[in-house]
Protein backbone atom coordinates (compact mmCIF):
# COMPACT_ATOMS: atom_id res chain seq x y z
CA MET A 1 -0.19 -17.80 7.47
CA ALA A 2 2.45 -15.79 5.78
CA LEU A 3 1.33 -12.74 7.52
CA GLY A 4 -1.89 -11.22 9.08
CA ALA A 5 -3.77 -11.61 12.43
CA ASP A 6 -7.10 -10.67 13.76
CA VAL A 7 -7.12 -8.17 16.55
CA ARG A 8 -10.40 -8.40 18.76
CA GLY A 9 -12.01 -6.77 21.83
CA VAL A 10 -10.85 -3.51 20.73
CA ASP A 11 -13.07 -0.29 20.68
CA LEU A 12 -12.05 2.14 18.28
CA THR A 13 -14.65 4.65 19.06
CA ARG A 14 -13.12 5.99 22.31
CA PRO A 15 -9.49 6.54 23.11
CA LEU A 16 -7.15 3.66 23.53
CA GLY A 17 -4.82 3.24 26.61
CA ALA A 18 -1.35 3.37 26.16
CA ARG A 19 -0.93 -0.33 27.29
CA GLU A 20 -3.63 -1.48 24.40
CA VAL A 21 -1.74 0.60 21.61
CA ASP A 22 1.43 -1.02 22.85
CA VAL A 23 0.25 -4.33 22.44
CA ILE A 24 -1.14 -3.27 18.84
CA ARG A 25 2.07 -1.97 17.69
CA LYS A 26 3.99 -5.23 18.86
CA ALA A 27 1.31 -7.17 17.21
CA TRP A 28 1.81 -5.02 13.93
CA ALA A 29 5.33 -5.57 13.93
CA ASP A 30 5.09 -9.14 14.57
CA HIS A 31 2.20 -10.06 11.83
CA LEU A 32 2.66 -7.21 9.42
CA VAL A 33 -0.85 -6.80 8.61
CA LEU A 34 -3.91 -6.33 11.06
CA ARG A 35 -7.31 -6.71 10.67
CA PHE A 36 -10.28 -5.29 13.22
CA ARG A 37 -13.62 -6.47 12.32
CA GLY A 38 -17.08 -5.47 13.17
CA HIS A 39 -16.72 -1.42 13.34
CA ARG A 40 -19.21 -0.36 10.99
CA GLY A 41 -20.40 3.25 11.95
CA LEU A 42 -16.87 4.41 12.61
CA SER A 43 -16.57 8.21 11.86
CA LEU A 44 -13.68 9.82 10.00
CA GLU A 45 -12.46 11.49 12.90
CA GLN A 46 -12.31 8.09 14.59
CA LEU A 47 -10.43 6.60 11.95
CA ALA A 48 -8.15 9.25 11.64
CA ALA A 49 -7.59 9.42 15.68
CA PHE A 50 -6.98 5.42 15.39
CA SER A 51 -4.36 5.90 13.04
CA ARG A 52 -2.41 8.56 14.64
CA TYR A 53 -1.41 6.19 17.56
CA PHE A 54 1.27 4.83 15.11
CA GLY A 55 2.45 8.31 13.57
CA GLU A 56 1.49 11.59 11.85
CA LEU A 57 -0.84 11.21 8.92
CA ASP A 58 0.20 12.13 5.12
CA ARG A 59 -1.95 13.91 2.77
CA ALA A 60 -3.81 12.03 -0.14
CA PRO A 61 -1.61 11.20 -3.32
CA ILE A 62 -2.29 13.11 -6.38
CA LYS A 63 -5.11 12.28 -8.21
CA SER A 64 -5.50 10.99 -11.69
CA ASP A 65 -9.12 12.40 -12.61
CA PRO A 66 -8.79 15.96 -13.02
CA THR A 67 -12.63 16.13 -12.31
CA GLY A 68 -12.76 14.01 -9.42
CA LYS A 69 -11.66 14.09 -5.88
CA LEU A 70 -9.43 12.08 -3.43
CA SER A 71 -10.53 13.34 0.08
CA PRO A 72 -13.53 14.87 1.79
CA ASP A 73 -13.23 18.71 2.17
CA GLU A 74 -12.89 18.45 5.69
CA HIS A 75 -10.46 15.50 5.67
CA PRO A 76 -7.46 16.13 3.59
CA GLU A 77 -5.51 13.24 5.57
CA ILE A 78 -8.28 10.86 4.23
CA THR A 79 -7.89 9.17 0.80
CA VAL A 80 -11.37 8.05 -0.83
CA ILE A 81 -11.08 4.69 -2.66
CA SER A 82 -14.31 4.12 -4.20
CA ASN A 83 -15.62 3.50 -7.98
CA VAL A 84 -18.87 5.38 -7.00
CA VAL A 85 -19.63 8.58 -9.33
CA VAL A 86 -21.90 11.75 -8.46
CA ASP A 87 -23.00 13.89 -11.02
CA GLY A 88 -20.38 12.73 -13.45
CA LYS A 89 -17.56 13.02 -10.98
CA ALA A 90 -15.72 10.36 -9.32
CA ILE A 91 -15.96 10.59 -5.51
CA GLY A 92 -12.66 8.52 -4.82
CA GLY A 93 -9.84 6.94 -6.89
CA LEU A 94 -8.87 3.43 -8.14
CA GLY A 95 -12.36 2.90 -9.72
CA SER A 96 -13.61 -0.68 -10.36
CA TYR A 97 -10.09 -1.97 -12.17
CA GLU A 98 -7.62 -4.43 -10.80
CA ALA A 99 -4.72 -3.08 -8.66
CA VAL A 100 -1.67 -4.76 -9.41
CA TRP A 101 1.17 -5.31 -6.73
CA HIS A 102 2.46 -2.55 -5.18
CA ALA A 103 3.63 -0.49 -1.75
CA ASP A 104 2.07 2.98 -1.47
CA MET A 105 3.70 5.86 -2.33
CA THR A 106 7.06 4.77 -2.64
CA TYR A 107 7.71 7.28 -5.54
CA ASN A 108 8.38 9.95 -2.72
CA PRO A 109 11.78 10.16 -0.74
CA ARG A 110 10.03 9.24 2.58
CA PRO A 111 7.25 6.66 1.77
CA PRO A 112 4.36 6.21 4.13
CA LYS A 113 5.01 3.77 6.73
CA GLY A 114 1.72 2.28 6.70
CA SER A 115 -1.98 2.52 6.10
CA ALA A 116 -5.45 1.59 7.36
CA LEU A 117 -8.09 1.03 5.17
CA TYR A 118 -11.99 0.82 6.43
CA ALA A 119 -14.79 -0.55 4.23
CA VAL A 120 -18.28 1.16 4.25
CA GLU A 121 -19.57 -0.12 0.98
CA ILE A 122 -18.31 -3.39 -0.54
CA PRO A 123 -19.20 -5.18 -3.73
CA PRO A 124 -20.89 -8.63 -3.61
CA ALA A 125 -17.95 -10.38 -5.37
CA GLY A 126 -14.57 -8.88 -6.17
CA GLY A 127 -12.63 -6.21 -4.56
CA ASN A 128 -10.44 -8.23 -2.36
CA THR A 129 -7.14 -7.33 -1.28
CA TYR A 130 -3.99 -9.53 -1.03
CA PHE A 131 -0.88 -8.63 0.89
CA ALA A 132 2.58 -10.31 0.23
CA ASN A 133 5.37 -10.22 2.98
CA MET A 134 8.65 -8.83 1.99
CA TYR A 135 10.63 -10.00 4.66
CA ARG A 136 10.02 -13.78 3.33
CA ALA A 137 10.62 -12.95 0.04
CA TYR A 138 14.11 -11.38 0.90
CA GLU A 139 14.92 -14.05 3.27
CA THR A 140 13.97 -16.69 0.52
CA LEU A 141 16.14 -15.03 -2.47
CA PRO A 142 18.55 -17.21 -4.24
CA GLY A 143 21.89 -16.53 -3.14
CA GLU A 144 23.24 -14.72 -6.23
CA LEU A 145 19.73 -12.74 -6.75
CA LYS A 146 20.11 -11.72 -2.86
CA ARG A 147 23.69 -10.94 -3.47
CA ARG A 148 22.99 -8.90 -6.29
CA ALA A 149 19.74 -7.28 -4.88
CA GLU A 150 21.51 -5.87 -1.85
CA THR A 151 23.94 -3.59 -4.08
CA LEU A 152 20.85 -2.06 -6.03
CA LYS A 153 18.90 1.16 -6.24
CA CYS A 154 15.37 1.46 -8.00
CA VAL A 155 14.07 4.43 -9.55
CA HIS A 156 10.00 4.30 -8.33
CA ASP A 157 7.70 5.57 -11.10
CA ALA A 158 5.71 8.29 -9.78
CA SER A 159 3.49 8.71 -12.79
CA ARG A 160 0.74 6.19 -12.32
CA ASN A 161 -1.39 4.76 -9.67
CA SER A 162 -1.75 1.05 -8.61
CA ALA A 163 -4.51 1.02 -11.16
CA GLY A 164 -2.31 2.16 -14.03
CA GLU A 165 -4.12 5.78 -14.34
CA LEU A 166 -1.57 8.56 -15.48
CA ARG A 167 -1.63 11.29 -12.59
CA VAL A 168 -2.72 14.74 -13.37
CA GLY A 169 0.54 16.70 -14.28
CA PHE A 170 2.55 13.68 -15.55
CA GLU A 171 3.72 12.76 -18.85
CA ASP A 172 3.23 9.32 -20.10
CA ILE A 173 6.52 7.82 -20.44
CA THR A 174 7.44 4.22 -22.18
CA ASP A 175 11.33 4.24 -21.57
CA PRO A 176 12.09 3.29 -17.85
CA ARG A 177 15.56 5.14 -17.89
CA ARG A 178 13.48 8.57 -18.00
CA THR A 179 11.05 7.41 -15.05
CA VAL A 180 10.65 10.25 -12.69
CA GLY A 181 10.39 9.25 -8.84
CA ALA A 182 12.37 8.59 -5.86
CA VAL A 183 15.59 6.37 -6.13
CA HIS A 184 15.37 3.57 -3.19
CA PRO A 185 17.64 0.56 -2.06
CA VAL A 186 15.95 -2.55 -3.41
CA VAL A 187 16.71 -4.23 0.14
CA ARG A 188 15.91 -2.00 3.08
CA THR A 189 16.13 -2.60 6.88
CA HIS A 190 12.95 -1.96 8.89
CA PRO A 191 13.52 0.85 11.14
CA VAL A 192 11.68 -1.05 13.90
CA THR A 193 12.53 -4.79 13.69
CA GLY A 194 15.64 -4.63 12.40
CA LYS A 195 15.12 -7.11 9.75
CA LYS A 196 15.99 -6.78 5.94
CA CYS A 197 12.87 -7.09 3.43
CA LEU A 198 12.42 -6.25 -0.53
CA PHE A 199 11.37 -2.90 -1.02
CA LEU A 200 10.15 -2.70 -4.73
CA GLY A 201 7.12 -0.46 -5.18
CA ARG A 202 5.63 -1.16 -8.31
CA ARG A 203 6.91 -2.45 -11.45
CA ARG A 204 5.88 -0.31 -14.29
CA ASN A 205 8.67 1.98 -15.25
CA ALA A 206 10.98 0.67 -12.43
CA TYR A 207 14.47 0.90 -13.17
CA LEU A 208 17.84 -0.06 -11.65
CA VAL A 209 19.94 2.94 -11.29
CA GLY A 210 23.31 2.50 -13.74
CA LEU A 211 22.35 -0.63 -15.51
CA PRO A 212 21.58 -1.42 -19.06
CA LEU A 213 17.87 -1.43 -19.64
CA GLU A 214 17.86 -5.05 -20.54
CA GLU A 215 19.78 -6.12 -17.27
CA SER A 216 17.49 -3.98 -15.39
CA GLU A 217 14.27 -5.57 -17.01
CA ALA A 218 15.59 -9.01 -16.55
CA LEU A 219 16.70 -8.35 -12.76
CA LEU A 220 13.38 -6.62 -11.66
CA ASP A 221 11.34 -9.56 -13.49
CA ALA A 222 13.32 -11.80 -11.48
CA LEU A 223 13.01 -10.13 -8.30
CA TRP A 224 9.20 -9.72 -9.05
CA THR A 225 8.29 -13.19 -9.89
CA HIS A 226 9.96 -14.39 -6.37
CA ALA A 227 8.23 -11.74 -4.02
CA THR A 228 4.93 -12.12 -5.40
CA LYS A 229 4.90 -16.14 -4.83
CA PRO A 230 1.44 -17.44 -3.43
CA GLU A 231 3.20 -18.71 -0.59
CA PHE A 232 4.07 -15.24 0.51
CA VAL A 233 0.59 -13.83 0.27
CA TRP A 234 -2.51 -13.53 2.49
CA GLY A 235 -5.83 -12.42 1.09
CA GLN A 236 -8.46 -10.23 2.81
CA GLU A 237 -12.07 -10.98 1.85
CA TRP A 238 -13.90 -7.49 3.16
CA GLN A 239 -16.78 -7.32 5.09
CA LEU A 240 -18.57 -4.15 6.06
CA GLY A 241 -16.90 -2.54 9.13
CA ASP A 242 -13.51 -4.22 8.53
CA ILE A 243 -10.03 -2.06 9.07
CA ILE A 244 -7.21 -3.55 7.72
CA LEU A 245 -3.72 -1.75 9.30
CA TRP A 246 -0.68 -2.71 7.04
CA ASP A 247 3.01 -2.08 7.21
CA ASN A 248 3.91 -0.34 4.04
CA ARG A 249 7.95 -1.04 4.44
CA CYS A 250 7.65 -4.66 4.75
CA THR A 251 4.35 -5.80 2.64
CA MET A 252 3.07 -5.10 -0.98
CA HIS A 253 -0.65 -5.64 -1.82
CA ARG A 254 -2.90 -5.69 -4.82
CA ARG A 255 -6.67 -5.74 -5.51
CA ASP A 256 -9.04 -7.51 -7.37
CA SER A 257 -11.60 -6.06 -9.98
CA PHE A 258 -15.20 -5.82 -9.52
CA ASP A 259 -18.24 -5.30 -11.10
CA PRO A 260 -18.42 -1.48 -11.81
CA ALA A 261 -22.27 -1.50 -11.85
CA THR A 262 -21.64 -2.44 -7.92
CA ARG A 263 -20.38 0.09 -5.09
CA ARG A 264 -17.31 -0.23 -3.30
CA LEU A 265 -16.55 2.61 -0.97
CA LEU A 266 -13.56 2.42 1.50
CA TYR A 267 -11.71 5.07 3.41
CA ARG A 268 -7.90 4.97 3.73
CA THR A 269 -5.39 7.23 5.97
CA GLN A 270 -1.36 6.93 5.41
CA ILE A 271 0.68 7.34 8.19
CA ALA A 272 4.26 9.40 7.41
CA GLY A 273 7.09 7.36 6.98
CA GLU A 274 10.97 7.77 7.16
CA GLU A 275 13.86 8.08 4.89
CA VAL A 276 14.20 4.36 3.39
CA ASN A 277 17.75 2.67 4.39
């Protein structure tokens, strides 16, 4: 398997011991994505407490629906991922659309190091999440493309979320040279493992700094085609009570669409990251 491992025998309703946390951190570094099954009934406080074993928590990202919400009032560190609408207002983000391949919030100078996503309601079909291993993607790049990638920096678009929705306060742009967002190296070194990986963020409106637009688009297309090959990917078919913990620095993820007449409700935390090098 390209990435991913199950963690069993951990009770997330109580504080974890130092050895348990060390074992989970080691497994996270080794497998990039961890799955904890059977945690129905976990409270938001317990989800946040578990996430803090891996670092400080970021606040929820900028919303796309001006009338909706992304976080419960008492938990600004929790993002609601849901298509549920109450009294005409969305209770969360991303709706029922497909979410394209991306890493979270790479438009920030210090993107989150990881996220934990907890399933409370899931649709009978669809809405699955897929993860791609960016170590493998980098290691298997063709020689000339790898050498070129190591010299490149990319602007990461802040204007739209992974479902393509325009965020509140941003202008809709069509020329990637006008993209607003952080600039990061295309190849980064993971601060824990010391390994190199591709760091692409999201494709829409990405732009390789200093290149003619046509050359930037061609190189990005080649990198994205390679990075999302099936051999680098593992799929999560959600069950109620699942928690997925992924490393945002060395993976990308996407989500299937699902029937908007069904309900999907998940809660996400994001763990504060570091400068990208």
